[in-house]
């Protein structure tokens, strides 16, 4: 099984566990996940680092050792105003394209944006970033993304 395919399966499994959980967090053991997916624990680390980070709306706590665990918290804005504040805080004054992509993925995952809307925003960001001097890309990405998101989300 290719790494990306395995990573996708692990991500979907963890998200399903989070969805089924009655708690705001999920506690799992890295070793048990590695056994379940017949992979090395470092593959689990890779998925946690790339798919469950703060840009995608998660906090991951990890404790290593015999009684070690991984605790995953899903961060969810409660109200529309919280979402606007969260966008301002998350986007900030500067944002790399990769961070913008992760933010769009999170907004789609949480049904704030449709897939087509996110793809349009992503395409526009990439297109405009090619036209801008490298010294200003992160600032322009932040301004463009924040403006587009606030316009798209204001209509709801």
C-alpha atoms as a PDB file:
ATOM      1  CA  UNK A   1       0.000   0.000   0.000  1.00  0.00           C
ATOM      2  CA  UNK A   2       1.556   3.366  -0.998  1.00  0.00           C
ATOM      3  CA  UNK A   3       2.378   5.781   1.806  1.00  0.00           C
ATOM      4  CA  UNK A   4      -0.157   8.390   0.716  1.00  0.00           C
ATOM      5  CA  UNK A   5      -2.881   5.767   0.512  1.00  0.00           C
ATOM      6  CA  UNK A   6      -1.986   4.408   3.932  1.00  0.00           C
ATOM      7  CA  UNK A   7      -1.878   7.936   5.351  1.00  0.00           C
ATOM      8  CA  UNK A   8      -5.342   8.598   3.897  1.00  0.00           C
ATOM      9  CA  UNK A   9      -6.708   5.438   5.545  1.00  0.00           C
ATOM     10  CA  UNK A  10      -5.183   6.313   8.907  1.00  0.00           C
ATOM     11  CA  UNK A  11      -6.541   9.875   8.686  1.00  0.00           C
ATOM     12  CA  UNK A  12     -10.057   8.662   7.848  1.00  0.00           C
ATOM     13  CA  UNK A  13      -9.946   6.131  10.694  1.00  0.00           C
ATOM     14  CA  UNK A  14      -8.893   8.745  13.263  1.00  0.00           C
ATOM     15  CA  UNK A  15     -11.524  11.226  12.017  1.00  0.00           C
ATOM     16  CA  UNK A  16     -14.199   8.515  12.259  1.00  0.00           C
ATOM     17  CA  UNK A  17     -13.143   7.820  15.851  1.00  0.00           C
ATOM     18  CA  UNK A  18     -13.345  11.546  16.637  1.00  0.00           C
ATOM     19  CA  UNK A  19     -16.801  11.741  15.069  1.00  0.00           C
ATOM     20  CA  UNK A  20     -18.012   8.775  17.143  1.00  0.00           C
ATOM     21  CA  UNK A  21     -16.506  10.066  20.371  1.00  0.00           C
ATOM     22  CA  UNK A  22     -18.792  11.733  22.877  1.00  0.00           C
ATOM     23  CA  UNK A  23     -15.791  13.642  24.239  1.00  0.00           C
ATOM     24  CA  UNK A  24     -14.131  16.699  22.654  1.00  0.00           C
ATOM     25  CA  UNK A  25     -10.924  14.684  22.431  1.00  0.00           C
ATOM     26  CA  UNK A  26      -9.759  11.206  21.506  1.00  0.00           C
ATOM     27  CA  UNK A  27      -7.076   9.213  23.239  1.00  0.00           C
ATOM     28  CA  UNK A  28      -5.348   6.496  21.257  1.00  0.00           C
ATOM     29  CA  UNK A  29      -2.135   4.516  21.424  1.00  0.00           C
ATOM     30  CA  UNK A  30       0.376   4.910  18.624  1.00  0.00           C
ATOM     31  CA  UNK A  31       1.477   1.262  18.929  1.00  0.00           C
ATOM     32  CA  UNK A  32      -2.097  -0.013  18.628  1.00  0.00           C
ATOM     33  CA  UNK A  33      -2.715   2.097  15.507  1.00  0.00           C
ATOM     34  CA  UNK A  34       0.539   0.876  13.990  1.00  0.00           C
ATOM     35  CA  UNK A  35      -0.502  -2.745  14.622  1.00  0.00           C
ATOM     36  CA  UNK A  36      -3.978  -2.139  13.215  1.00  0.00           C
ATOM     37  CA  UNK A  37      -2.597  -0.642   9.999  1.00  0.00           C
ATOM     38  CA  UNK A  38       0.444  -2.944   9.882  1.00  0.00           C
ATOM     39  CA  UNK A  39       2.885  -0.072   9.716  1.00  0.00           C
ATOM     40  CA  UNK A  40       5.670   1.428  11.779  1.00  0.00           C
ATOM     41  CA  UNK A  41       4.820   3.979  14.496  1.00  0.00           C
ATOM     42  CA  UNK A  42       6.670   6.675  12.531  1.00  0.00           C
ATOM     43  CA  UNK A  43       3.936   6.422   9.861  1.00  0.00           C
ATOM     44  CA  UNK A  44       1.385   7.296  12.556  1.00  0.00           C
ATOM     45  CA  UNK A  45       3.605  10.242  13.555  1.00  0.00           C
ATOM     46  CA  UNK A  46       3.669  11.410   9.935  1.00  0.00           C
ATOM     47  CA  UNK A  47      -0.131  11.372   9.700  1.00  0.00           C
ATOM     48  CA  UNK A  48      -0.500  13.217  12.998  1.00  0.00           C
ATOM     49  CA  UNK A  49       2.041  15.867  12.002  1.00  0.00           C
ATOM     50  CA  UNK A  50       0.670  16.502   8.515  1.00  0.00           C
ATOM     51  CA  UNK A  51      -3.068  15.869   8.892  1.00  0.00           C
ATOM     52  CA  UNK A  52      -3.841  16.749  12.517  1.00  0.00           C
ATOM     53  CA  UNK A  53      -2.061  20.062  13.072  1.00  0.00           C
ATOM     54  CA  UNK A  54      -3.381  23.417  14.265  1.00  0.00           C
ATOM     55  CA  UNK A  55      -3.868  24.756  10.729  1.00  0.00           C
ATOM     56  CA  UNK A  56      -6.280  21.892  10.130  1.00  0.00           C
ATOM     57  CA  UNK A  57      -8.016  22.475  13.441  1.00  0.00           C
ATOM     58  CA  UNK A  58      -6.447  19.960  15.800  1.00  0.00           C
ATOM     59  CA  UNK A  59      -4.219  19.892  18.832  1.00  0.00           C
ATOM     60  CA  UNK A  60      -2.220  16.730  19.399  1.00  0.00           C
ATOM     61  CA  UNK A  61      -0.707  15.851  22.767  1.00  0.00           C
ATOM     62  CA  UNK A  62       1.691  12.966  22.908  1.00  0.00           C
ATOM     63  CA  UNK A  63       3.220  11.013  25.756  1.00  0.00           C
ATOM     64  CA  UNK A  64       5.835   8.422  24.922  1.00  0.00           C
ATOM     65  CA  UNK A  65       6.836   5.350  26.832  1.00  0.00           C
ATOM     66  CA  UNK A  66       5.105   2.187  28.063  1.00  0.00           C
ATOM     67  CA  UNK A  67       1.893   3.932  29.070  1.00  0.00           C
ATOM     68  CA  UNK A  68       2.189   6.427  26.238  1.00  0.00           C
ATOM     69  CA  UNK A  69      -0.787   7.810  24.394  1.00  0.00           C
ATOM     70  CA  UNK A  70      -1.818  10.330  21.806  1.00  0.00           C
ATOM     71  CA  UNK A  71      -4.638  12.710  22.626  1.00  0.00           C
ATOM     72  CA  UNK A  72      -6.251  14.558  19.732  1.00  0.00           C
ATOM     73  CA  UNK A  73      -8.498  17.584  20.263  1.00  0.00           C
ATOM     74  CA  UNK A  74     -10.642  18.945  17.441  1.00  0.00           C
ATOM     75  CA  UNK A  75     -10.948  22.722  17.585  1.00  0.00           C
ATOM     76  CA  UNK A  76     -14.323  23.939  16.383  1.00  0.00           C
ATOM     77  CA  UNK A  77     -15.583  27.492  16.281  1.00  0.00           C
ATOM     78  CA  UNK A  78     -18.990  27.569  17.942  1.00  0.00           C
ATOM     79  CA  UNK A  79     -20.722  30.503  16.265  1.00  0.00           C
ATOM     80  CA  UNK A  80     -20.343  32.381  13.004  1.00  0.00           C
ATOM     81  CA  UNK A  81     -18.763  35.332  14.842  1.00  0.00           C
ATOM     82  CA  UNK A  82     -16.279  32.916  16.417  1.00  0.00           C
ATOM     83  CA  UNK A  83     -15.477  31.676  12.915  1.00  0.00           C
ATOM     84  CA  UNK A  84     -14.739  35.218  11.717  1.00  0.00           C
ATOM     85  CA  UNK A  85     -12.489  35.843  14.716  1.00  0.00           C
ATOM     86  CA  UNK A  86     -10.824  32.477  14.150  1.00  0.00           C
ATOM     87  CA  UNK A  87     -10.137  33.374  10.496  1.00  0.00           C
ATOM     88  CA  UNK A  88      -8.538  36.686  11.497  1.00  0.00           C
ATOM     89  CA  UNK A  89      -6.442  34.962  14.152  1.00  0.00           C
ATOM     90  CA  UNK A  90      -5.427  31.964  12.037  1.00  0.00           C
ATOM     91  CA  UNK A  91      -4.634  33.852   8.854  1.00  0.00           C
ATOM     92  CA  UNK A  92      -2.827  36.684  10.612  1.00  0.00           C
ATOM     93  CA  UNK A  93      -0.716  39.167   8.680  1.00  0.00           C
ATOM     94  CA  UNK A  94       1.341  36.601   6.757  1.00  0.00           C
ATOM     95  CA  UNK A  95       0.469  33.137   5.516  1.00  0.00           C
ATOM     96  CA  UNK A  96       2.333  30.607   3.406  1.00  0.00           C
ATOM     97  CA  UNK A  97       0.468  28.930   0.556  1.00  0.00           C
ATOM     98  CA  UNK A  98       0.727  25.535   2.280  1.00  0.00           C
ATOM     99  CA  UNK A  99      -0.902  26.971   5.393  1.00  0.00           C
ATOM    100  CA  UNK A 100      -3.674  28.488   3.281  1.00  0.00           C
ATOM    101  CA  UNK A 101      -4.310  25.103   1.705  1.00  0.00           C
ATOM    102  CA  UNK A 102      -4.525  23.426   5.133  1.00  0.00           C
ATOM    103  CA  UNK A 103      -6.984  26.079   6.301  1.00  0.00           C
ATOM    104  CA  UNK A 104      -9.179  25.526   3.246  1.00  0.00           C
ATOM    105  CA  UNK A 105      -9.142  21.773   3.856  1.00  0.00           C
ATOM    106  CA  UNK A 106     -10.307  22.349   7.416  1.00  0.00           C
ATOM    107  CA  UNK A 107     -13.131  24.656   6.347  1.00  0.00           C
ATOM    108  CA  UNK A 108     -14.319  22.045   3.833  1.00  0.00           C
ATOM    109  CA  UNK A 109     -14.001  19.242   6.411  1.00  0.00           C
ATOM    110  CA  UNK A 110     -16.185  21.212   8.814  1.00  0.00           C
ATOM    111  CA  UNK A 111     -18.733  22.138   6.120  1.00  0.00           C
ATOM    112  CA  UNK A 112     -18.118  25.881   6.288  1.00  0.00           C
ATOM    113  CA  UNK A 113     -17.044  25.875   2.633  1.00  0.00           C
ATOM    114  CA  UNK A 114     -17.993  23.680  -0.274  1.00  0.00           C
ATOM    115  CA  UNK A 115     -15.299  21.762  -2.113  1.00  0.00           C
ATOM    116  CA  UNK A 116     -15.846  23.825  -5.283  1.00  0.00           C
ATOM    117  CA  UNK A 117     -15.562  27.098  -3.354  1.00  0.00           C
ATOM    118  CA  UNK A 118     -12.343  25.957  -1.700  1.00  0.00           C
ATOM    119  CA  UNK A 119     -10.886  24.840  -5.021  1.00  0.00           C
ATOM    120  CA  UNK A 120     -11.729  28.214  -6.560  1.00  0.00           C
ATOM    121  CA  UNK A 121     -10.119  30.113  -3.678  1.00  0.00           C
ATOM    122  CA  UNK A 122      -7.042  27.856  -3.864  1.00  0.00           C
ATOM    123  CA  UNK A 123      -6.720  28.338  -7.633  1.00  0.00           C
ATOM    124  CA  UNK A 124      -6.990  32.120  -7.278  1.00  0.00           C
ATOM    125  CA  UNK A 125      -4.407  32.202  -4.486  1.00  0.00           C
ATOM    126  CA  UNK A 126      -1.912  30.156  -6.502  1.00  0.00           C
ATOM    127  CA  UNK A 127      -2.505  32.237  -9.633  1.00  0.00           C
ATOM    128  CA  UNK A 128      -2.077  35.559  -7.852  1.00  0.00           C
ATOM    129  CA  UNK A 129       0.953  34.342  -5.884  1.00  0.00           C
ATOM    130  CA  UNK A 130       2.778  33.743  -9.172  1.00  0.00           C
ATOM    131  CA  UNK A 131       2.347  37.418 -10.085  1.00  0.00           C
ATOM    132  CA  UNK A 132       3.617  38.851  -6.806  1.00  0.00           C
ATOM    133  CA  UNK A 133       7.190  39.573  -5.780  1.00  0.00           C
ATOM    134  CA  UNK A 134       8.407  36.768  -3.498  1.00  0.00           C
ATOM    135  CA  UNK A 135       9.055  39.218  -0.682  1.00  0.00           C
ATOM    136  CA  UNK A 136       5.332  40.028  -0.503  1.00  0.00           C
ATOM    137  CA  UNK A 137       3.700  36.659  -1.233  1.00  0.00           C
ATOM    138  CA  UNK A 138       2.909  35.691   2.370  1.00  0.00           C
ATOM    139  CA  UNK A 139       1.341  39.069   3.099  1.00  0.00           C
ATOM    140  CA  UNK A 140      -0.692  38.993  -0.129  1.00  0.00           C
ATOM    141  CA  UNK A 141      -1.859  35.423   0.503  1.00  0.00           C
ATOM    142  CA  UNK A 142      -3.080  36.427   3.971  1.00  0.00           C
ATOM    143  CA  UNK A 143      -4.986  39.464   2.702  1.00  0.00           C
ATOM    144  CA  UNK A 144      -6.510  37.654  -0.282  1.00  0.00           C
ATOM    145  CA  UNK A 145      -7.491  34.546   1.663  1.00  0.00           C
ATOM    146  CA  UNK A 146      -9.017  36.479   4.548  1.00  0.00           C
ATOM    147  CA  UNK A 147     -10.993  38.708   2.157  1.00  0.00           C
ATOM    148  CA  UNK A 148     -12.287  35.811   0.059  1.00  0.00           C
ATOM    149  CA  UNK A 149     -13.266  33.741   3.096  1.00  0.00           C
ATOM    150  CA  UNK A 150     -15.098  36.593   4.775  1.00  0.00           C
ATOM    151  CA  UNK A 151     -17.000  37.319   1.549  1.00  0.00           C
ATOM    152  CA  UNK A 152     -17.905  33.668   0.994  1.00  0.00           C
ATOM    153  CA  UNK A 153     -18.906  33.004   4.600  1.00  0.00           C
ATOM    154  CA  UNK A 154     -20.872  36.246   5.034  1.00  0.00           C
ATOM    155  CA  UNK A 155     -23.600  34.991   2.724  1.00  0.00           C
ATOM    156  CA  UNK A 156     -24.562  32.106   5.058  1.00  0.00           C
END
